[in-house]
C-alpha atoms as a PDB file:
ATOM      1  CA  MET A   1      63.086  98.375 134.787  1.00  0.00           C
ATOM      2  CA  ASN A   2      60.194  97.870 132.399  1.00  0.00           C
ATOM      3  CA  LYS A   3      60.289  98.642 128.694  1.00  0.00           C
ATOM      4  CA  SER A   4      58.648 102.081 128.940  1.00  0.00           C
ATOM      5  CA  GLU A   5      61.115 103.253 131.585  1.00  0.00           C
ATOM      6  CA  TYR A   6      64.016 102.052 129.447  1.00  0.00           C
ATOM      7  CA  ILE A   7      62.782 103.990 126.421  1.00  0.00           C
ATOM      8  CA  GLU A   8      62.312 107.202 128.390  1.00  0.00           C
ATOM      9  CA  GLU A   9      65.790 107.056 129.924  1.00  0.00           C
ATOM     10  CA  GLU A  10      68.049 109.863 128.700  1.00  0.00           C
ATOM     11  CA  TRP A  11      71.646 109.138 127.852  1.00  0.00           C
ATOM     12  CA  LEU A  12      74.440 111.506 128.808  1.00  0.00           C
ATOM     13  CA  PHE A  13      76.367 110.920 125.585  1.00  0.00           C
ATOM     14  CA  GLU A  14      75.396 109.397 122.282  1.00  0.00           C
ATOM     15  CA  ILE A  15      78.014 108.141 119.836  1.00  0.00           C
ATOM     16  CA  LYS A  16      76.827 108.213 116.248  1.00  0.00           C
ATOM     17  CA  PRO A  17      78.341 108.604 112.777  1.00  0.00           C
ATOM     18  CA  LYS A  18      79.190 112.125 111.683  1.00  0.00           C
ATOM     19  CA  ASN A  19      77.124 113.186 108.712  1.00  0.00           C
ATOM     20  CA  LYS A  20      78.347 116.758 108.504  1.00  0.00           C
ATOM     21  CA  PHE A  21      80.805 117.560 105.721  1.00  0.00           C
ATOM     22  CA  PHE A  22      82.567 120.056 107.976  1.00  0.00           C
ATOM     23  CA  SER A  23      82.547 119.748 111.760  1.00  0.00           C
ATOM     24  CA  LEU A  24      84.984 121.299 114.219  1.00  0.00           C
ATOM     25  CA  ASN A  25      82.788 120.346 117.206  1.00  0.00           C
ATOM     26  CA  LEU A  26      84.586 122.482 119.775  1.00  0.00           C
ATOM     27  CA  LYS A  27      82.021 121.576 122.435  1.00  0.00           C
ATOM     28  CA  GLU A  28      82.987 117.912 122.256  1.00  0.00           C
ATOM     29  CA  VAL A  29      86.690 118.752 122.198  1.00  0.00           C
ATOM     30  CA  TRP A  30      86.215 120.854 125.348  1.00  0.00           C
ATOM     31  CA  ARG A  31      84.375 117.936 126.976  1.00  0.00           C
ATOM     32  CA  TYR A  32      87.455 115.776 126.365  1.00  0.00           C
ATOM     33  CA  ARG A  33      89.952 118.452 127.468  1.00  0.00           C
ATOM     34  CA  ASP A  34      91.307 116.186 130.223  1.00  0.00           C
ATOM     35  CA  LEU A  35      92.221 113.604 127.613  1.00  0.00           C
ATOM     36  CA  LEU A  36      93.860 116.312 125.520  1.00  0.00           C
ATOM     37  CA  LEU A  37      96.036 117.347 128.458  1.00  0.00           C
ATOM     38  CA  LEU A  38      96.814 113.698 129.160  1.00  0.00           C
ATOM     39  CA  PHE A  39      98.123 113.223 125.621  1.00  0.00           C
ATOM     40  CA  VAL A  40     100.224 116.384 125.950  1.00  0.00           C
ATOM     41  CA  LYS A  41     101.732 115.137 129.211  1.00  0.00           C
ATOM     42  CA  ARG A  42     102.368 111.712 127.672  1.00  0.00           C
ATOM     43  CA  ASP A  43     104.202 113.193 124.704  1.00  0.00           C
ATOM     44  CA  ILE A  44     106.382 115.422 126.861  1.00  0.00           C
ATOM     45  CA  VAL A  45     107.307 112.734 129.399  1.00  0.00           C
ATOM     46  CA  THR A  46     107.703 109.623 127.262  1.00  0.00           C
ATOM     47  CA  VAL A  47     109.383 110.851 124.060  1.00  0.00           C
ATOM     48  CA  TYR A  48     112.843 111.119 125.622  1.00  0.00           C
ATOM     49  CA  LYS A  49     112.204 109.009 128.727  1.00  0.00           C
ATOM     50  CA  GLN A  50     114.631 106.227 127.786  1.00  0.00           C
ATOM     51  CA  THR A  51     117.265 108.469 126.238  1.00  0.00           C
ATOM     52  CA  ILE A  52     120.548 109.432 127.883  1.00  0.00           C
ATOM     53  CA  LEU A  53     120.255 113.188 127.404  1.00  0.00           C
ATOM     54  CA  GLY A  54     116.476 113.376 127.686  1.00  0.00           C
ATOM     55  CA  PRO A  55     114.948 116.846 127.127  1.00  0.00           C
ATOM     56  CA  LEU A  56     118.409 118.225 126.317  1.00  0.00           C
ATOM     57  CA  TRP A  57     117.715 117.093 122.746  1.00  0.00           C
ATOM     58  CA  TYR A  58     115.295 120.027 122.573  1.00  0.00           C
ATOM     59  CA  LEU A  59     118.361 122.260 122.904  1.00  0.00           C
ATOM     60  CA  ILE A  60     121.045 120.254 121.114  1.00  0.00           C
ATOM     61  CA  GLN A  61     119.251 120.041 117.771  1.00  0.00           C
ATOM     62  CA  PRO A  62     118.723 123.803 117.160  1.00  0.00           C
ATOM     63  CA  LEU A  63     122.164 124.685 118.521  1.00  0.00           C
ATOM     64  CA  PHE A  64     124.029 122.237 116.282  1.00  0.00           C
ATOM     65  CA  THR A  65     121.907 123.224 113.281  1.00  0.00           C
ATOM     66  CA  ALA A  66     122.613 126.914 113.895  1.00  0.00           C
ATOM     67  CA  ILE A  67     126.345 126.211 114.176  1.00  0.00           C
ATOM     68  CA  THR A  68     126.284 124.201 110.938  1.00  0.00           C
ATOM     69  CA  PHE A  69     124.400 126.918 109.068  1.00  0.00           C
ATOM     70  CA  THR A  70     126.787 129.567 110.397  1.00  0.00           C
ATOM     71  CA  ILE A  71     129.835 127.678 109.172  1.00  0.00           C
ATOM     72  CA  ILE A  72     128.452 126.714 105.756  1.00  0.00           C
ATOM     73  CA  PHE A  73     126.251 129.620 104.726  1.00  0.00           C
ATOM     74  CA  ASN A  74     127.920 132.539 106.514  1.00  0.00           C
ATOM     75  CA  ASN A  75     131.598 131.657 106.868  1.00  0.00           C
ATOM     76  CA  VAL A  76     132.018 129.628 103.667  1.00  0.00           C
ATOM     77  CA  ALA A  77     129.311 131.041 101.359  1.00  0.00           C
ATOM     78  CA  GLY A  78     129.697 134.560 102.738  1.00  0.00           C
ATOM     79  CA  ILE A  79     126.021 135.342 103.374  1.00  0.00           C
ATOM     80  CA  GLU A  80     125.801 138.527 105.419  1.00  0.00           C
ATOM     81  CA  THR A  81     123.327 139.003 108.269  1.00  0.00           C
ATOM     82  CA  GLY A  82     123.678 142.738 108.871  1.00  0.00           C
ATOM     83  CA  LYS A  83     124.448 143.914 112.401  1.00  0.00           C
ATOM     84  CA  VAL A  84     123.204 140.661 113.902  1.00  0.00           C
ATOM     85  CA  PRO A  85     125.715 137.862 114.646  1.00  0.00           C
ATOM     86  CA  SER A  86     125.308 135.024 112.146  1.00  0.00           C
ATOM     87  CA  PHE A  87     124.739 132.401 114.831  1.00  0.00           C
ATOM     88  CA  LEU A  88     121.923 134.396 116.437  1.00  0.00           C
ATOM     89  CA  PHE A  89     120.405 135.133 113.033  1.00  0.00           C
ATOM     90  CA  ASN A  90     120.314 131.420 112.175  1.00  0.00           C
ATOM     91  CA  LEU A  91     119.099 130.374 115.620  1.00  0.00           C
ATOM     92  CA  ALA A  92     116.068 132.676 115.398  1.00  0.00           C
ATOM     93  CA  GLY A  93     115.013 131.216 112.039  1.00  0.00           C
ATOM     94  CA  ILE A  94     115.653 127.618 113.075  1.00  0.00           C
ATOM     95  CA  ILE A  95     113.588 127.832 116.269  1.00  0.00           C
ATOM     96  CA  VAL A  96     110.525 129.103 114.416  1.00  0.00           C
ATOM     97  CA  TRP A  97     111.039 126.639 111.559  1.00  0.00           C
ATOM     98  CA  ASN A  98     111.417 123.712 113.974  1.00  0.00           C
ATOM     99  CA  TYR A  99     108.010 124.429 115.478  1.00  0.00           C
ATOM    100  CA  PHE A 100     106.349 124.206 112.082  1.00  0.00           C
ATOM    101  CA  THR A 101     108.199 121.046 111.004  1.00  0.00           C
ATOM    102  CA  SER A 102     107.503 119.320 114.331  1.00  0.00           C
ATOM    103  CA  CYS A 103     103.782 120.032 114.006  1.00  0.00           C
ATOM    104  CA  LEU A 104     103.771 118.852 110.394  1.00  0.00           C
ATOM    105  CA  ASN A 105     105.888 115.710 110.774  1.00  0.00           C
ATOM    106  CA  GLU A 106     104.234 114.454 113.951  1.00  0.00           C
ATOM    107  CA  THR A 107     100.659 114.981 112.745  1.00  0.00           C
ATOM    108  CA  SER A 108     101.233 113.598 109.248  1.00  0.00           C
ATOM    109  CA  ASP A 109     100.897 109.970 110.410  1.00  0.00           C
ATOM    110  CA  THR A 110      98.156 110.432 113.015  1.00  0.00           C
ATOM    111  CA  PHE A 111      95.846 107.717 111.685  1.00  0.00           C
ATOM    112  CA  LYS A 112      98.546 105.151 111.042  1.00  0.00           C
ATOM    113  CA  LYS A 113     100.357 105.676 114.346  1.00  0.00           C
ATOM    114  CA  ASN A 114      97.192 105.636 116.473  1.00  0.00           C
ATOM    115  CA  ALA A 115      95.156 103.022 114.609  1.00  0.00           C
ATOM    116  CA  ALA A 116      95.127 100.690 117.627  1.00  0.00           C
ATOM    117  CA  ILE A 117      93.693 103.369 119.923  1.00  0.00           C
ATOM    118  CA  PHE A 118      91.225 104.691 117.371  1.00  0.00           C
ATOM    119  CA  GLY A 119      89.902 101.184 116.747  1.00  0.00           C
ATOM    120  CA  LYS A 120      89.089 100.512 120.398  1.00  0.00           C
ATOM    121  CA  VAL A 121      88.138 103.734 122.155  1.00  0.00           C
ATOM    122  CA  TYR A 122      85.979 106.643 121.058  1.00  0.00           C
ATOM    123  CA  PHE A 123      87.054 110.246 121.473  1.00  0.00           C
ATOM    124  CA  PRO A 124      87.220 113.179 119.057  1.00  0.00           C
ATOM    125  CA  ARG A 125      90.032 112.127 116.715  1.00  0.00           C
ATOM    126  CA  VAL A 126      91.124 115.714 116.141  1.00  0.00           C
ATOM    127  CA  ILE A 127      92.326 115.768 119.757  1.00  0.00           C
ATOM    128  CA  MET A 128      95.369 113.719 118.766  1.00  0.00           C
ATOM    129  CA  PRO A 129      96.887 116.193 116.270  1.00  0.00           C
ATOM    130  CA  MET A 130      95.845 119.091 118.514  1.00  0.00           C
ATOM    131  CA  SER A 131      97.801 117.578 121.387  1.00  0.00           C
ATOM    132  CA  ILE A 132     100.901 117.427 119.187  1.00  0.00           C
ATOM    133  CA  VAL A 133     100.656 121.126 118.344  1.00  0.00           C
ATOM    134  CA  ILE A 134     100.307 122.017 122.043  1.00  0.00           C
ATOM    135  CA  THR A 135     103.183 119.720 123.016  1.00  0.00           C
ATOM    136  CA  ASN A 136     105.452 121.423 120.507  1.00  0.00           C
ATOM    137  CA  LEU A 137     104.628 124.762 122.141  1.00  0.00           C
ATOM    138  CA  VAL A 138     106.480 123.484 125.202  1.00  0.00           C
ATOM    139  CA  LYS A 139     109.503 122.634 123.055  1.00  0.00           C
ATOM    140  CA  LEU A 140     109.320 126.047 121.427  1.00  0.00           C
ATOM    141  CA  GLY A 141     109.244 127.737 124.820  1.00  0.00           C
ATOM    142  CA  ILE A 142     112.383 125.878 125.942  1.00  0.00           C
ATOM    143  CA  GLN A 143     114.225 126.797 122.745  1.00  0.00           C
ATOM    144  CA  LEU A 144     113.174 130.436 123.066  1.00  0.00           C
ATOM    145  CA  LEU A 145     114.780 130.509 126.509  1.00  0.00           C
ATOM    146  CA  ILE A 146     118.038 129.388 124.913  1.00  0.00           C
ATOM    147  CA  PHE A 147     117.665 132.091 122.274  1.00  0.00           C
ATOM    148  CA  ILE A 148     117.139 134.715 124.992  1.00  0.00           C
ATOM    149  CA  GLY A 149     120.267 133.478 126.747  1.00  0.00           C
ATOM    150  CA  PHE A 150     122.423 133.893 123.631  1.00  0.00           C
ATOM    151  CA  TYR A 151     120.752 137.218 122.882  1.00  0.00           C
ATOM    152  CA  MET A 152     121.767 138.543 126.304  1.00  0.00           C
ATOM    153  CA  TYR A 153     125.288 137.178 125.809  1.00  0.00           C
ATOM    154  CA  TYR A 154     125.754 139.001 122.503  1.00  0.00           C
ATOM    155  CA  MET A 155     124.360 142.179 124.039  1.00  0.00           C
ATOM    156  CA  THR A 156     127.095 142.032 126.669  1.00  0.00           C
ATOM    157  CA  GLN A 157     129.611 141.594 123.845  1.00  0.00           C
ATOM    158  CA  GLY A 158     128.591 144.884 122.284  1.00  0.00           C
ATOM    159  CA  MET A 159     125.830 143.889 119.857  1.00  0.00           C
ATOM    160  CA  GLN A 160     123.942 147.046 118.933  1.00  0.00           C
ATOM    161  CA  ASN A 161     120.398 145.799 118.646  1.00  0.00           C
ATOM    162  CA  THR A 162     117.011 146.323 120.218  1.00  0.00           C
ATOM    163  CA  LEU A 163     113.790 144.377 120.052  1.00  0.00           C
ATOM    164  CA  SER A 164     111.286 145.563 117.488  1.00  0.00           C
ATOM    165  CA  LYS A 165     108.205 147.454 118.675  1.00  0.00           C
ATOM    166  CA  THR A 166     106.149 144.746 116.953  1.00  0.00           C
ATOM    167  CA  ILE A 167     107.212 142.079 119.476  1.00  0.00           C
ATOM    168  CA  PHE A 168     103.532 141.595 120.370  1.00  0.00           C
ATOM    169  CA  LEU A 169     103.048 139.990 116.934  1.00  0.00           C
ATOM    170  CA  PHE A 170     105.285 137.026 117.732  1.00  0.00           C
ATOM    171  CA  PRO A 171     102.541 134.910 119.412  1.00  0.00           C
ATOM    172  CA  PHE A 172     100.422 135.590 116.335  1.00  0.00           C
ATOM    173  CA  LEU A 173     103.180 134.158 114.125  1.00  0.00           C
ATOM    174  CA  VAL A 174     103.465 131.089 116.352  1.00  0.00           C
ATOM    175  CA  ILE A 175      99.716 130.503 116.027  1.00  0.00           C
ATOM    176  CA  ILE A 176      99.979 130.770 112.241  1.00  0.00           C
ATOM    177  CA  MET A 177     102.822 128.247 112.117  1.00  0.00           C
ATOM    178  CA  GLY A 178     100.923 125.881 114.407  1.00  0.00           C
ATOM    179  CA  PHE A 179      97.693 125.980 112.389  1.00  0.00           C
ATOM    180  CA  LEU A 180      99.567 125.716 109.094  1.00  0.00           C
ATOM    181  CA  GLY A 181     101.507 122.679 110.319  1.00  0.00           C
ATOM    182  CA  LEU A 182      98.304 121.183 111.741  1.00  0.00           C
ATOM    183  CA  GLY A 183      96.378 121.728 108.506  1.00  0.00           C
ATOM    184  CA  LEU A 184      99.078 120.275 106.260  1.00  0.00           C
ATOM    185  CA  GLY A 185      99.617 117.422 108.720  1.00  0.00           C
ATOM    186  CA  MET A 186      95.924 116.478 108.688  1.00  0.00           C
ATOM    187  CA  ILE A 187      95.908 116.519 104.873  1.00  0.00           C
ATOM    188  CA  ILE A 188      98.940 114.259 104.671  1.00  0.00           C
ATOM    189  CA  SER A 189      97.657 112.001 107.464  1.00  0.00           C
ATOM    190  CA  SER A 190      94.397 111.526 105.555  1.00  0.00           C
ATOM    191  CA  LEU A 191      96.255 110.649 102.358  1.00  0.00           C
ATOM    192  CA  VAL A 192      98.627 108.254 104.146  1.00  0.00           C
ATOM    193  CA  THR A 193      95.715 105.925 104.940  1.00  0.00           C
ATOM    194  CA  LYS A 194      95.594 105.114 101.204  1.00  0.00           C
ATOM    195  CA  TYR A 195      99.114 105.940 100.052  1.00  0.00           C
ATOM    196  CA  ARG A 196     101.579 104.585 102.591  1.00  0.00           C
ATOM    197  CA  ASP A 197     104.712 105.652 100.723  1.00  0.00           C
ATOM    198  CA  LEU A 198     103.730 109.294 101.174  1.00  0.00           C
ATOM    199  CA  THR A 199     105.317 109.239 104.632  1.00  0.00           C
ATOM    200  CA  PHE A 200     108.740 108.718 103.058  1.00  0.00           C
ATOM    201  CA  LEU A 201     108.321 111.857 100.977  1.00  0.00           C
ATOM    202  CA  VAL A 202     107.306 114.121 103.850  1.00  0.00           C
ATOM    203  CA  SER A 203     110.696 114.385 105.571  1.00  0.00           C
ATOM    204  CA  PHE A 204     112.459 114.802 102.233  1.00  0.00           C
ATOM    205  CA  GLY A 205     109.974 117.442 101.104  1.00  0.00           C
ATOM    206  CA  VAL A 206     110.299 119.373 104.383  1.00  0.00           C
ATOM    207  CA  GLN A 207     114.070 119.562 103.942  1.00  0.00           C
ATOM    208  CA  LEU A 208     113.676 120.963 100.447  1.00  0.00           C
ATOM    209  CA  LEU A 209     111.031 123.402 101.653  1.00  0.00           C
ATOM    210  CA  MET A 210     113.439 124.786 104.240  1.00  0.00           C
ATOM    211  CA  TYR A 211     115.781 126.063 101.524  1.00  0.00           C
ATOM    212  CA  VAL A 212     113.039 128.174  99.934  1.00  0.00           C
ATOM    213  CA  SER A 213     111.682 129.475 103.249  1.00  0.00           C
ATOM    214  CA  ALA A 214     114.456 131.984 104.061  1.00  0.00           C
ATOM    215  CA  VAL A 215     115.530 130.062 107.162  1.00  0.00           C
ATOM    216  CA  MET A 216     119.280 130.612 106.703  1.00  0.00           C
ATOM    217  CA  TYR A 217     119.314 133.799 104.626  1.00  0.00           C
ATOM    218  CA  PRO A 218     117.381 137.096 104.289  1.00  0.00           C
ATOM    219  CA  MET A 219     114.475 137.113 101.819  1.00  0.00           C
ATOM    220  CA  THR A 220     116.080 139.946  99.854  1.00  0.00           C
ATOM    221  CA  LEU A 221     119.142 137.823  99.089  1.00  0.00           C
ATOM    222  CA  ILE A 222     117.367 135.514  96.630  1.00  0.00           C
ATOM    223  CA  LYS A 223     115.692 138.469  94.911  1.00  0.00           C
ATOM    224  CA  GLU A 224     119.095 140.129  94.440  1.00  0.00           C
ATOM    225  CA  LYS A 225     121.273 137.131  93.568  1.00  0.00           C
ATOM    226  CA  LEU A 226     118.732 134.884  91.808  1.00  0.00           C
ATOM    227  CA  PRO A 227     115.828 137.081  90.694  1.00  0.00           C
ATOM    228  CA  GLN A 228     114.518 134.354  88.373  1.00  0.00           C
ATOM    229  CA  PHE A 229     113.765 132.233  91.467  1.00  0.00           C
ATOM    230  CA  GLY A 230     112.349 135.098  93.516  1.00  0.00           C
ATOM    231  CA  TRP A 231     108.801 133.823  93.001  1.00  0.00           C
ATOM    232  CA  LEU A 232     109.651 130.769  95.122  1.00  0.00           C
ATOM    233  CA  ILE A 233     110.052 133.085  98.086  1.00  0.00           C
ATOM    234  CA  GLU A 234     107.247 135.510  97.292  1.00  0.00           C
ATOM    235  CA  TYR A 235     104.626 132.758  97.094  1.00  0.00           C
ATOM    236  CA  ASN A 236     105.934 130.813 100.082  1.00  0.00           C
ATOM    237  CA  PRO A 237     103.938 131.801 103.198  1.00  0.00           C
ATOM    238  CA  LEU A 238     106.527 130.199 105.474  1.00  0.00           C
ATOM    239  CA  ALA A 239     109.189 132.612 104.246  1.00  0.00           C
ATOM    240  CA  TYR A 240     107.134 135.580 105.447  1.00  0.00           C
ATOM    241  CA  VAL A 241     106.701 134.032 108.896  1.00  0.00           C
ATOM    242  CA  VAL A 242     110.429 133.289 109.284  1.00  0.00           C
ATOM    243  CA  GLU A 243     111.475 136.715 107.982  1.00  0.00           C
ATOM    244  CA  THR A 244     108.951 138.520 110.201  1.00  0.00           C
ATOM    245  CA  SER A 245     110.041 136.486 113.227  1.00  0.00           C
ATOM    246  CA  ARG A 246     113.631 137.613 112.750  1.00  0.00           C
ATOM    247  CA  TYR A 247     112.457 141.190 112.299  1.00  0.00           C
ATOM    248  CA  ILE A 248     110.548 140.999 115.572  1.00  0.00           C
ATOM    249  CA  LEU A 249     113.241 139.199 117.579  1.00  0.00           C
ATOM    250  CA  LEU A 250     116.347 140.826 116.093  1.00  0.00           C
ATOM    251  CA  ASN A 251     115.070 143.972 114.390  1.00  0.00           C
ATOM    252  CA  GLU A 252     116.755 142.707 111.232  1.00  0.00           C
ATOM    253  CA  GLY A 253     115.048 142.115 107.891  1.00  0.00           C
ATOM    254  CA  SER A 254     111.658 143.377 106.823  1.00  0.00           C
ATOM    255  CA  LEU A 255     107.994 143.219 107.768  1.00  0.00           C
ATOM    256  CA  SER A 256     105.574 142.795 104.889  1.00  0.00           C
ATOM    257  CA  VAL A 257     101.948 143.469 105.799  1.00  0.00           C
ATOM    258  CA  ASN A 258     100.752 142.118 102.448  1.00  0.00           C
ATOM    259  CA  GLY A 259     102.881 139.022 102.960  1.00  0.00           C
ATOM    260  CA  LEU A 260     101.398 138.398 106.407  1.00  0.00           C
ATOM    261  CA  VAL A 261      97.845 138.837 105.126  1.00  0.00           C
ATOM    262  CA  TYR A 262      98.580 136.382 102.318  1.00  0.00           C
ATOM    263  CA  THR A 263     100.058 133.952 104.849  1.00  0.00           C
ATOM    264  CA  LEU A 264      97.026 134.253 107.136  1.00  0.00           C
ATOM    265  CA  VAL A 265      94.553 133.591 104.297  1.00  0.00           C
ATOM    266  CA  PHE A 266      96.659 130.669 103.044  1.00  0.00           C
ATOM    267  CA  THR A 267      96.807 129.185 106.559  1.00  0.00           C
ATOM    268  CA  ILE A 268      93.042 129.437 107.091  1.00  0.00           C
ATOM    269  CA  VAL A 269      92.322 127.766 103.742  1.00  0.00           C
ATOM    270  CA  ILE A 270      94.805 124.935 104.386  1.00  0.00           C
ATOM    271  CA  PHE A 271      93.524 124.359 107.927  1.00  0.00           C
ATOM    272  CA  LEU A 272      89.863 124.209 106.891  1.00  0.00           C
ATOM    273  CA  PHE A 273      90.661 121.937 103.952  1.00  0.00           C
ATOM    274  CA  GLY A 274      92.741 119.685 106.208  1.00  0.00           C
ATOM    275  CA  LEU A 275      89.950 119.542 108.780  1.00  0.00           C
ATOM    276  CA  ILE A 276      87.422 118.540 106.117  1.00  0.00           C
ATOM    277  CA  MET A 277      89.696 115.759 104.861  1.00  0.00           C
ATOM    278  CA  PHE A 278      90.395 114.625 108.431  1.00  0.00           C
ATOM    279  CA  ASN A 279      86.675 114.465 109.280  1.00  0.00           C
ATOM    280  CA  GLN A 280      85.916 112.481 106.145  1.00  0.00           C
ATOM    281  CA  THR A 281      88.825 110.073 106.622  1.00  0.00           C
ATOM    282  CA  GLU A 282      88.098 109.253 110.264  1.00  0.00           C
ATOM    283  CA  LYS A 283      84.761 107.686 109.262  1.00  0.00           C
ATOM    284  CA  LYS A 284      86.350 104.884 107.240  1.00  0.00           C
ATOM    285  CA  PHE A 285      90.113 104.907 107.843  1.00  0.00           C
ATOM    286  CA  ILE A 286      89.981 101.849 110.119  1.00  0.00           C
ATOM    287  CA  ASP A 287      89.202  99.705 107.073  1.00  0.00           C
ATOM    288  CA  THR A 288      92.261 100.860 105.138  1.00  0.00           C
ATOM    289  CA  VAL A 289      94.989 101.387 107.756  1.00  0.00           C
END
C-alpha cells in the first residue's frame, strides 16, 4: 500500500477527545448495545454468584426491612396506614425506594470502581452507569412479584382494596426514579475522583434521606404531627414518587399532579447536570483516580 492509498483509506471508527460541553451521543451508545447487555448480564450473574442464598437476597432484604418497619413504626409508634395492612404498606414503599438507592449507590463510584477498564479499553463511559440502572430493573421486577404475592394473600384474607385506575403511571414513576438515581450517581461519581471521602457520606446520607421521603409513613402525617418540618417533605421529589407509588399500587394516600410535575422537572435538571459533569470528568479522571 503506497502513501496515497493509505491517506484515502476510510476508517470505520475514529476515537478522538470530546470537545462538546454536553454530549449524550445516543448513536454511539446504540453501537455498543451488545457491551451494555454484557455488563447487565455480568452484574446479574456475578453479584451473588459466590453467596449461599444467591438471588434470594433480592427478596430477603425488602421483606426483613418491611417487617422491621412494621414492628417499629406501626406496632410501637402507632402509625396508621388506613385500610391497607401495615406490612403491605411498608413493602410497597421499600421496593420503590430500593430501586432508587440501588441506582444511586452503585453508580456513585463508577469511575473509581472501573478505573482499570476505563484506562485500557475505549467505549462510551456512560454505558457503565446505564447498565447498573437496567440491572436494577431486574431486581425491581423480582421484588414486585413478591409484592403481588403478598397482595393476593391479603386479598384472600379480606382486605378491601382495589388497584388505582392510574396503574399505568407506575412505569413512569420507575423511569423517574431511575433517571434521578442515575443523575445523582453521576454527579457523585464525578466528585469522588477528587474527593475520595465522599463515598463514605453517600450511604449515610441515603439513610437520612429515607426518613424524609415518606417511605414508612404517609406524607400527610408529617404535615399533621410536625407542621414545622412539612417543608422537608414538600420539597423532596422522592416523597412524591413514593407516595404516588403507594396510591397506584394500594389505592392509599394521595396523588399530587403539581408534585409529580415538580419531581419530573427536578429529575430532568439533575440528570442533565449529572451528564455534563460525567462528560467533563471522563476526559481527565484517569489522572486523578
